[in-house]
């Protein structure tokens, strides 16, 4: 049978590290390994502090460029390619 871990209080240094990592768009899993806490604990504390850990919706991530698939842009194939 698995033993339950005792809950640890958040130290001010850990809270500072969490805020810094969230600002720098570090994934929650990576923050969890860094602070030696579970990803759930990281997400709960971020929620309590009003921090966002959703890096996809914060605008600083990679921007998608170019045409979407199936729009007809790009390399032509078939009859039209031969006619041009």
PDB file of N, CA and C in Angstrom:
ATOM      1  N   UNK A   1       0.824  -1.176   0.000  1.00  0.00           N
ATOM      2  CA  UNK A   1       0.000   0.000   0.000  1.00  0.00           C
ATOM      3  C   UNK A   1       0.877   1.251   0.000  1.00  0.00           C
ATOM      4  N   UNK A   2       0.505   2.226  -0.832  1.00  0.00           N
ATOM      5  CA  UNK A   2       1.275   3.462  -0.946  1.00  0.00           C
ATOM      6  C   UNK A   2       1.082   4.329   0.295  1.00  0.00           C
ATOM      7  N   UNK A   3       2.143   4.979   0.678  1.00  0.00           N
ATOM      8  CA  UNK A   3       2.050   5.873   1.834  1.00  0.00           C
ATOM      9  C   UNK A   3       1.708   7.275   1.360  1.00  0.00           C
ATOM     10  N   UNK A   4       0.920   7.979   2.148  1.00  0.00           N
ATOM     11  CA  UNK A   4       0.541   9.349   1.814  1.00  0.00           C
ATOM     12  C   UNK A   4       1.660  10.301   2.204  1.00  0.00           C
ATOM     13  N   UNK A   5       1.918  11.269   1.309  1.00  0.00           N
ATOM     14  CA  UNK A   5       2.919  12.281   1.631  1.00  0.00           C
ATOM     15  C   UNK A   5       2.261  13.393   2.432  1.00  0.00           C
ATOM     16  N   UNK A   6       3.005  13.930   3.358  1.00  0.00           N
ATOM     17  CA  UNK A   6       2.509  15.037   4.159  1.00  0.00           C
ATOM     18  C   UNK A   6       2.587  16.326   3.343  1.00  0.00           C
ATOM     19  N   UNK A   7       1.595  17.166   3.473  1.00  0.00           N
ATOM     20  CA  UNK A   7       1.560  18.425   2.734  1.00  0.00           C
ATOM     21  C   UNK A   7       2.623  19.377   3.261  1.00  0.00           C
ATOM     22  N   UNK A   8       3.264  20.047   2.314  1.00  0.00           N
ATOM     23  CA  UNK A   8       4.288  21.023   2.689  1.00  0.00           C
ATOM     24  C   UNK A   8       3.767  22.426   2.426  1.00  0.00           C
ATOM     25  N   UNK A   9       4.063  23.335   3.316  1.00  0.00           N
ATOM     26  CA  UNK A   9       3.677  24.738   3.122  1.00  0.00           C
ATOM     27  C   UNK A   9       4.562  25.343   2.031  1.00  0.00           C
ATOM     28  N   UNK A  10       4.023  26.327   1.326  1.00  0.00           N
ATOM     29  CA  UNK A  10       4.775  26.998   0.272  1.00  0.00           C
ATOM     30  C   UNK A  10       5.701  28.041   0.902  1.00  0.00           C
ATOM     31  N   UNK A  11       6.971  27.943   0.577  1.00  0.00           N
ATOM     32  CA  UNK A  11       7.944  28.920   1.064  1.00  0.00           C
ATOM     33  C   UNK A  11       7.907  30.149   0.150  1.00  0.00           C
ATOM     34  N   UNK A  12       8.237  31.313   0.678  1.00  0.00           N
ATOM     35  CA  UNK A  12       8.248  32.525  -0.145  1.00  0.00           C
ATOM     36  C   UNK A  12       9.167  32.399  -1.379  1.00  0.00           C
ATOM     37  N   UNK A  13      10.262  31.671  -1.232  1.00  0.00           N
ATOM     38  CA  UNK A  13      11.195  31.461  -2.344  1.00  0.00           C
ATOM     39  C   UNK A  13      10.522  30.639  -3.445  1.00  0.00           C
ATOM     40  N   UNK A  14       9.728  29.639  -3.048  1.00  0.00           N
ATOM     41  CA  UNK A  14       9.022  28.797  -4.024  1.00  0.00           C
ATOM     42  C   UNK A  14       7.943  29.590  -4.761  1.00  0.00           C
ATOM     43  N   UNK A  15       7.243  30.444  -4.035  1.00  0.00           N
ATOM     44  CA  UNK A  15       6.207  31.281  -4.649  1.00  0.00           C
ATOM     45  C   UNK A  15       6.848  32.229  -5.661  1.00  0.00           C
ATOM     46  N   UNK A  16       7.990  32.786  -5.316  1.00  0.00           N
ATOM     47  CA  UNK A  16       8.712  33.690  -6.212  1.00  0.00           C
ATOM     48  C   UNK A  16       9.151  32.945  -7.478  1.00  0.00           C
ATOM     49  N   UNK A  17       9.651  31.723  -7.302  1.00  0.00           N
ATOM     50  CA  UNK A  17      10.090  30.912  -8.442  1.00  0.00           C
ATOM     51  C   UNK A  17       8.902  30.559  -9.341  1.00  0.00           C
ATOM     52  N   UNK A  18       7.753  30.260  -8.727  1.00  0.00           N
ATOM     53  CA  UNK A  18       6.545  29.939  -9.491  1.00  0.00           C
ATOM     54  C   UNK A  18       6.095  31.145 -10.315  1.00  0.00           C
ATOM     55  N   UNK A  19       6.086  32.320  -9.705  1.00  0.00           N
ATOM     56  CA  UNK A  19       5.690  33.544 -10.410  1.00  0.00           C
ATOM     57  C   UNK A  19       6.636  33.838 -11.574  1.00  0.00           C
ATOM     58  N   UNK A  20       7.913  33.673 -11.332  1.00  0.00           N
ATOM     59  CA  UNK A  20       8.910  33.929 -12.366  1.00  0.00           C
ATOM     60  C   UNK A  20       8.761  32.950 -13.529  1.00  0.00           C
ATOM     61  N   UNK A  21       8.570  31.677 -13.226  1.00  0.00           N
ATOM     62  CA  UNK A  21       8.420  30.651 -14.256  1.00  0.00           C
ATOM     63  C   UNK A  21       7.135  30.869 -15.059  1.00  0.00           C
ATOM     64  N   UNK A  22       6.064  31.262 -14.385  1.00  0.00           N
ATOM     65  CA  UNK A  22       4.795  31.514 -15.074  1.00  0.00           C
ATOM     66  C   UNK A  22       4.940  32.713 -16.012  1.00  0.00           C
ATOM     67  N   UNK A  23       5.666  33.714 -15.591  1.00  0.00           N
ATOM     68  CA  UNK A  23       5.883  34.904 -16.415  1.00  0.00           C
ATOM     69  C   UNK A  23       6.713  34.565 -17.659  1.00  0.00           C
ATOM     70  N   UNK A  24       7.651  33.630 -17.502  1.00  0.00           N
ATOM     71  CA  UNK A  24       8.524  33.225 -18.607  1.00  0.00           C
ATOM     72  C   UNK A  24       7.941  32.085 -19.437  1.00  0.00           C
ATOM     73  N   UNK A  25       6.679  31.773 -19.233  1.00  0.00           N
ATOM     74  CA  UNK A  25       5.943  30.760 -19.996  1.00  0.00           C
ATOM     75  C   UNK A  25       6.620  29.389 -19.957  1.00  0.00           C
ATOM     76  N   UNK A  26       6.938  28.937 -18.759  1.00  0.00           N
ATOM     77  CA  UNK A  26       7.493  27.600 -18.560  1.00  0.00           C
ATOM     78  C   UNK A  26       6.316  26.654 -18.333  1.00  0.00           C
ATOM     79  N   UNK A  27       6.294  25.477 -18.983  1.00  0.00           N
ATOM     80  CA  UNK A  27       5.194  24.535 -18.782  1.00  0.00           C
ATOM     81  C   UNK A  27       5.074  24.083 -17.326  1.00  0.00           C
ATOM     82  N   UNK A  28       3.842  23.780 -16.916  1.00  0.00           N
ATOM     83  CA  UNK A  28       3.571  23.402 -15.523  1.00  0.00           C
ATOM     84  C   UNK A  28       4.361  22.166 -15.100  1.00  0.00           C
ATOM     85  N   UNK A  29       4.520  21.209 -15.989  1.00  0.00           N
ATOM     86  CA  UNK A  29       5.280  19.993 -15.666  1.00  0.00           C
ATOM     87  C   UNK A  29       6.729  20.284 -15.334  1.00  0.00           C
ATOM     88  N   UNK A  30       7.311  21.210 -16.071  1.00  0.00           N
ATOM     89  CA  UNK A  30       8.703  21.593 -15.844  1.00  0.00           C
ATOM     90  C   UNK A  30       8.851  22.341 -14.516  1.00  0.00           C
ATOM     91  N   UNK A  31       7.885  23.194 -14.217  1.00  0.00           N
ATOM     92  CA  UNK A  31       7.896  23.929 -12.946  1.00  0.00           C
ATOM     93  C   UNK A  31       7.784  22.933 -11.793  1.00  0.00           C
ATOM     94  N   UNK A  32       6.924  21.931 -11.971  1.00  0.00           N
ATOM     95  CA  UNK A  32       6.724  20.919 -10.931  1.00  0.00           C
ATOM     96  C   UNK A  32       8.030  20.182 -10.627  1.00  0.00           C
ATOM     97  N   UNK A  33       8.754  19.801 -11.663  1.00  0.00           N
ATOM     98  CA  UNK A  33      10.036  19.112 -11.448  1.00  0.00           C
ATOM     99  C   UNK A  33      11.043  20.041 -10.781  1.00  0.00           C
ATOM    100  N   UNK A  34      11.038  21.301 -11.181  1.00  0.00           N
ATOM    101  CA  UNK A  34      11.964  22.279 -10.625  1.00  0.00           C
ATOM    102  C   UNK A  34      11.736  22.476  -9.126  1.00  0.00           C
ATOM    103  N   UNK A  35      10.457  22.576  -8.736  1.00  0.00           N
ATOM    104  CA  UNK A  35      10.117  22.834  -7.331  1.00  0.00           C
ATOM    105  C   UNK A  35       9.883  21.565  -6.513  1.00  0.00           C
ATOM    106  N   UNK A  36       9.993  20.396  -7.175  1.00  0.00           N
ATOM    107  CA  UNK A  36       9.780  19.095  -6.517  1.00  0.00           C
ATOM    108  C   UNK A  36       8.395  19.014  -5.872  1.00  0.00           C
ATOM    109  N   UNK A  37       7.386  19.407  -6.677  1.00  0.00           N
ATOM    110  CA  UNK A  37       5.990  19.314  -6.274  1.00  0.00           C
ATOM    111  C   UNK A  37       5.218  18.695  -7.428  1.00  0.00           C
ATOM    112  N   UNK A  38       3.980  18.298  -7.165  1.00  0.00           N
ATOM    113  CA  UNK A  38       3.178  17.717  -8.236  1.00  0.00           C
ATOM    114  C   UNK A  38       2.679  18.827  -9.159  1.00  0.00           C
ATOM    115  N   UNK A  39       2.342  18.434 -10.390  1.00  0.00           N
ATOM    116  CA  UNK A  39       1.810  19.404 -11.341  1.00  0.00           C
ATOM    117  C   UNK A  39       0.488  19.973 -10.831  1.00  0.00           C
ATOM    118  N   UNK A  40      -0.307  19.139 -10.166  1.00  0.00           N
ATOM    119  CA  UNK A  40      -1.573  19.598  -9.590  1.00  0.00           C
ATOM    120  C   UNK A  40      -1.358  20.672  -8.532  1.00  0.00           C
ATOM    121  N   UNK A  41      -0.338  20.482  -7.702  1.00  0.00           N
ATOM    122  CA  UNK A  41      -0.032  21.467  -6.660  1.00  0.00           C
ATOM    123  C   UNK A  41       0.400  22.793  -7.289  1.00  0.00           C
ATOM    124  N   UNK A  42       1.165  22.699  -8.368  1.00  0.00           N
ATOM    125  CA  UNK A  42       1.621  23.901  -9.069  1.00  0.00           C
ATOM    126  C   UNK A  42       0.420  24.656  -9.645  1.00  0.00           C
ATOM    127  N   UNK A  43      -0.485  23.910 -10.286  1.00  0.00           N
ATOM    128  CA  UNK A  43      -1.664  24.531 -10.899  1.00  0.00           C
ATOM    129  C   UNK A  43      -2.592  25.148  -9.846  1.00  0.00           C
ATOM    130  N   UNK A  44      -2.756  24.466  -8.716  1.00  0.00           N
ATOM    131  CA  UNK A  44      -3.618  24.985  -7.651  1.00  0.00           C
ATOM    132  C   UNK A  44      -3.051  26.273  -7.053  1.00  0.00           C
ATOM    133  N   UNK A  45      -1.739  26.299  -6.831  1.00  0.00           N
ATOM    134  CA  UNK A  45      -1.122  27.496  -6.258  1.00  0.00           C
ATOM    135  C   UNK A  45      -1.175  28.652  -7.253  1.00  0.00           C
ATOM    136  N   UNK A  46      -0.953  28.346  -8.528  1.00  0.00           N
ATOM    137  CA  UNK A  46      -1.028  29.387  -9.563  1.00  0.00           C
ATOM    138  C   UNK A  46      -2.438  29.966  -9.621  1.00  0.00           C
ATOM    139  N   UNK A  47      -3.442  29.109  -9.516  1.00  0.00           N
ATOM    140  CA  UNK A  47      -4.832  29.556  -9.510  1.00  0.00           C
ATOM    141  C   UNK A  47      -5.094  30.466  -8.309  1.00  0.00           C
ATOM    142  N   UNK A  48      -4.590  30.076  -7.135  1.00  0.00           N
ATOM    143  CA  UNK A  48      -4.782  30.874  -5.920  1.00  0.00           C
ATOM    144  C   UNK A  48      -4.089  32.239  -6.027  1.00  0.00           C
ATOM    145  N   UNK A  49      -2.967  32.279  -6.768  1.00  0.00           N
ATOM    146  CA  UNK A  49      -2.218  33.528  -6.927  1.00  0.00           C
ATOM    147  C   UNK A  49      -2.704  34.347  -8.120  1.00  0.00           C
ATOM    148  N   UNK A  50      -3.608  33.773  -8.904  1.00  0.00           N
ATOM    149  CA  UNK A  50      -4.120  34.469 -10.082  1.00  0.00           C
ATOM    150  C   UNK A  50      -3.165  34.443 -11.258  1.00  0.00           C
ATOM    151  N   UNK A  51      -2.308  33.418 -11.332  1.00  0.00           N
ATOM    152  CA  UNK A  51      -1.341  33.296 -12.419  1.00  0.00           C
ATOM    153  C   UNK A  51      -1.884  32.394 -13.515  1.00  0.00           C
ATOM    154  N   UNK A  52      -1.477  32.657 -14.742  1.00  0.00           N
ATOM    155  CA  UNK A  52      -1.879  31.815 -15.865  1.00  0.00           C
ATOM    156  C   UNK A  52      -0.732  30.884 -16.221  1.00  0.00           C
ATOM    157  N   UNK A  53      -1.035  29.593 -16.355  1.00  0.00           N
ATOM    158  CA  UNK A  53      -0.027  28.630 -16.789  1.00  0.00           C
ATOM    159  C   UNK A  53      -0.342  28.114 -18.184  1.00  0.00           C
ATOM    160  N   UNK A  54      -1.376  28.645 -18.810  1.00  0.00           N
ATOM    161  CA  UNK A  54      -1.762  28.211 -20.147  1.00  0.00           C
ATOM    162  C   UNK A  54      -0.944  28.981 -21.171  1.00  0.00           C
ATOM    163  N   UNK A  55       0.176  28.408 -21.603  1.00  0.00           N
ATOM    164  CA  UNK A  55       1.098  29.103 -22.494  1.00  0.00           C
ATOM    165  C   UNK A  55       0.555  29.269 -23.901  1.00  0.00           C
ATOM    166  N   UNK A  56      -0.444  28.481 -24.315  1.00  0.00           N
ATOM    167  CA  UNK A  56      -0.971  28.574 -25.673  1.00  0.00           C
ATOM    168  C   UNK A  56      -1.819  29.820 -25.877  1.00  0.00           C
ATOM    169  N   UNK A  57      -2.413  30.342 -24.839  1.00  0.00           N
ATOM    170  CA  UNK A  57      -3.349  31.460 -24.990  1.00  0.00           C
ATOM    171  C   UNK A  57      -2.784  32.792 -24.514  1.00  0.00           C
ATOM    172  N   UNK A  58      -1.496  32.853 -24.238  1.00  0.00           N
ATOM    173  CA  UNK A  58      -0.957  34.091 -23.685  1.00  0.00           C
ATOM    174  C   UNK A  58      -0.279  34.981 -24.704  1.00  0.00           C
ATOM    175  N   UNK A  59      -0.252  34.597 -25.963  1.00  0.00           N
ATOM    176  CA  UNK A  59       0.205  35.471 -27.017  1.00  0.00           C
ATOM    177  C   UNK A  59       1.703  35.546 -27.243  1.00  0.00           C
ATOM    178  N   UNK A  60       2.533  35.062 -26.327  1.00  0.00           N
ATOM    179  CA  UNK A  60       3.974  35.145 -26.516  1.00  0.00           C
ATOM    180  C   UNK A  60       4.541  33.887 -27.172  1.00  0.00           C
ATOM    181  N   UNK A  61       3.695  32.904 -27.396  1.00  0.00           N
ATOM    182  CA  UNK A  61       4.149  31.649 -27.986  1.00  0.00           C
ATOM    183  C   UNK A  61       4.438  31.793 -29.468  1.00  0.00           C
ATOM    184  N   UNK A  62       4.705  30.676 -30.102  1.00  0.00           N
ATOM    185  CA  UNK A  62       4.996  30.685 -31.529  1.00  0.00           C
ATOM    186  C   UNK A  62       3.748  31.069 -32.306  1.00  0.00           C
ATOM    187  N   UNK A  63       3.943  31.936 -33.266  1.00  0.00           N
ATOM    188  CA  UNK A  63       2.839  32.339 -34.124  1.00  0.00           C
ATOM    189  C   UNK A  63       2.820  31.433 -35.345  1.00  0.00           C
ATOM    190  N   UNK A  64       1.625  31.010 -35.735  1.00  0.00           N
ATOM    191  CA  UNK A  64       1.498  30.193 -36.929  1.00  0.00           C
ATOM    192  C   UNK A  64       1.466  31.114 -38.134  1.00  0.00           C
ATOM    193  N   UNK A  65       2.252  30.773 -39.134  1.00  0.00           N
ATOM    194  CA  UNK A  65       2.288  31.579 -40.345  1.00  0.00           C
ATOM    195  C   UNK A  65       2.013  30.699 -41.547  1.00  0.00           C
ATOM    196  N   UNK A  66       1.684  31.318 -42.647  1.00  0.00           N
ATOM    197  CA  UNK A  66       1.458  30.566 -43.867  1.00  0.00           C
ATOM    198  C   UNK A  66       0.013  30.153 -44.009  1.00  0.00           C
ATOM    199  N   UNK A  67      -0.261  29.525 -45.136  1.00  0.00           N
ATOM    200  CA  UNK A  67      -1.631  29.111 -45.433  1.00  0.00           C
ATOM    201  C   UNK A  67      -2.015  27.878 -44.638  1.00  0.00           C
ATOM    202  N   UNK A  68      -3.299  27.762 -44.405  1.00  0.00           N
ATOM    203  CA  UNK A  68      -3.803  26.570 -43.738  1.00  0.00           C
ATOM    204  C   UNK A  68      -3.852  25.436 -44.742  1.00  0.00           C
ATOM    205  N   UNK A  69      -3.875  24.240 -44.258  1.00  0.00           N
ATOM    206  CA  UNK A  69      -3.941  23.074 -45.135  1.00  0.00           C
ATOM    207  C   UNK A  69      -5.243  23.048 -45.910  1.00  0.00           C
ATOM    208  N   UNK A  70      -5.128  22.705 -47.183  1.00  0.00           N
ATOM    209  CA  UNK A  70      -6.320  22.510 -47.984  1.00  0.00           C
ATOM    210  C   UNK A  70      -6.957  23.774 -48.510  1.00  0.00           C
ATOM    211  N   UNK A  71      -6.233  24.885 -48.491  1.00  0.00           N
ATOM    212  CA  UNK A  71      -6.810  26.131 -48.982  1.00  0.00           C
ATOM    213  C   UNK A  71      -6.556  26.331 -50.467  1.00  0.00           C
ATOM    214  N   UNK A  72      -5.775  25.442 -51.079  1.00  0.00           N
ATOM    215  CA  UNK A  72      -5.504  25.573 -52.499  1.00  0.00           C
ATOM    216  C   UNK A  72      -4.254  26.371 -52.798  1.00  0.00           C
ATOM    217  N   UNK A  73      -3.578  26.871 -51.792  1.00  0.00           N
ATOM    218  CA  UNK A  73      -2.340  27.615 -52.001  1.00  0.00           C
ATOM    219  C   UNK A  73      -1.171  26.645 -51.950  1.00  0.00           C
ATOM    220  N   UNK A  74      -0.067  27.092 -52.461  1.00  0.00           N
ATOM    221  CA  UNK A  74       1.109  26.236 -52.422  1.00  0.00           C
ATOM    222  C   UNK A  74       1.324  25.558 -53.759  1.00  0.00           C
ATOM    223  N   UNK A  75       2.002  24.442 -53.739  1.00  0.00           N
ATOM    224  CA  UNK A  75       2.338  23.741 -54.969  1.00  0.00           C
ATOM    225  C   UNK A  75       1.103  23.151 -55.640  1.00  0.00           C
ATOM    226  N   UNK A  76       0.959  23.428 -56.911  1.00  0.00           N
ATOM    227  CA  UNK A  76      -0.188  22.911 -57.663  1.00  0.00           C
ATOM    228  C   UNK A  76       0.137  21.518 -58.191  1.00  0.00           C
ATOM    229  N   UNK A  77      -0.871  20.686 -58.224  1.00  0.00           N
ATOM    230  CA  UNK A  77      -0.687  19.361 -58.786  1.00  0.00           C
ATOM    231  C   UNK A  77      -1.830  19.098 -59.761  1.00  0.00           C
ATOM    232  N   UNK A  78      -1.655  18.143 -60.599  1.00  0.00           N
ATOM    233  CA  UNK A  78      -2.740  17.773 -61.498  1.00  0.00           C
ATOM    234  C   UNK A  78      -2.740  18.581 -62.781  1.00  0.00           C
ATOM    235  N   UNK A  79      -3.901  18.731 -63.365  1.00  0.00           N
ATOM    236  CA  UNK A  79      -4.065  19.360 -64.672  1.00  0.00           C
ATOM    237  C   UNK A  79      -3.597  20.810 -64.678  1.00  0.00           C
ATOM    238  N   UNK A  80      -3.908  21.570 -63.647  1.00  0.00           N
ATOM    239  CA  UNK A  80      -3.541  22.988 -63.611  1.00  0.00           C
ATOM    240  C   UNK A  80      -2.021  23.183 -63.592  1.00  0.00           C
ATOM    241  N   UNK A  81      -1.327  22.289 -62.919  1.00  0.00           N
ATOM    242  CA  UNK A  81       0.130  22.406 -62.848  1.00  0.00           C
ATOM    243  C   UNK A  81       0.748  22.213 -64.227  1.00  0.00           C
ATOM    244  N   UNK A  82       0.213  21.307 -65.009  1.00  0.00           N
ATOM    245  CA  UNK A  82       0.747  21.044 -66.336  1.00  0.00           C
ATOM    246  C   UNK A  82       0.425  22.173 -67.310  1.00  0.00           C
ATOM    247  N   UNK A  83      -0.715  22.814 -67.138  1.00  0.00           N
ATOM    248  CA  UNK A  83      -1.145  23.874 -68.054  1.00  0.00           C
ATOM    249  C   UNK A  83      -0.360  25.158 -67.853  1.00  0.00           C
ATOM    250  N   UNK A  84       0.119  25.397 -66.680  1.00  0.00           N
ATOM    251  CA  UNK A  84       0.807  26.664 -66.367  1.00  0.00           C
ATOM    252  C   UNK A  84       2.219  26.709 -66.873  1.00  0.00           C
TER     253      UNK A  84
END
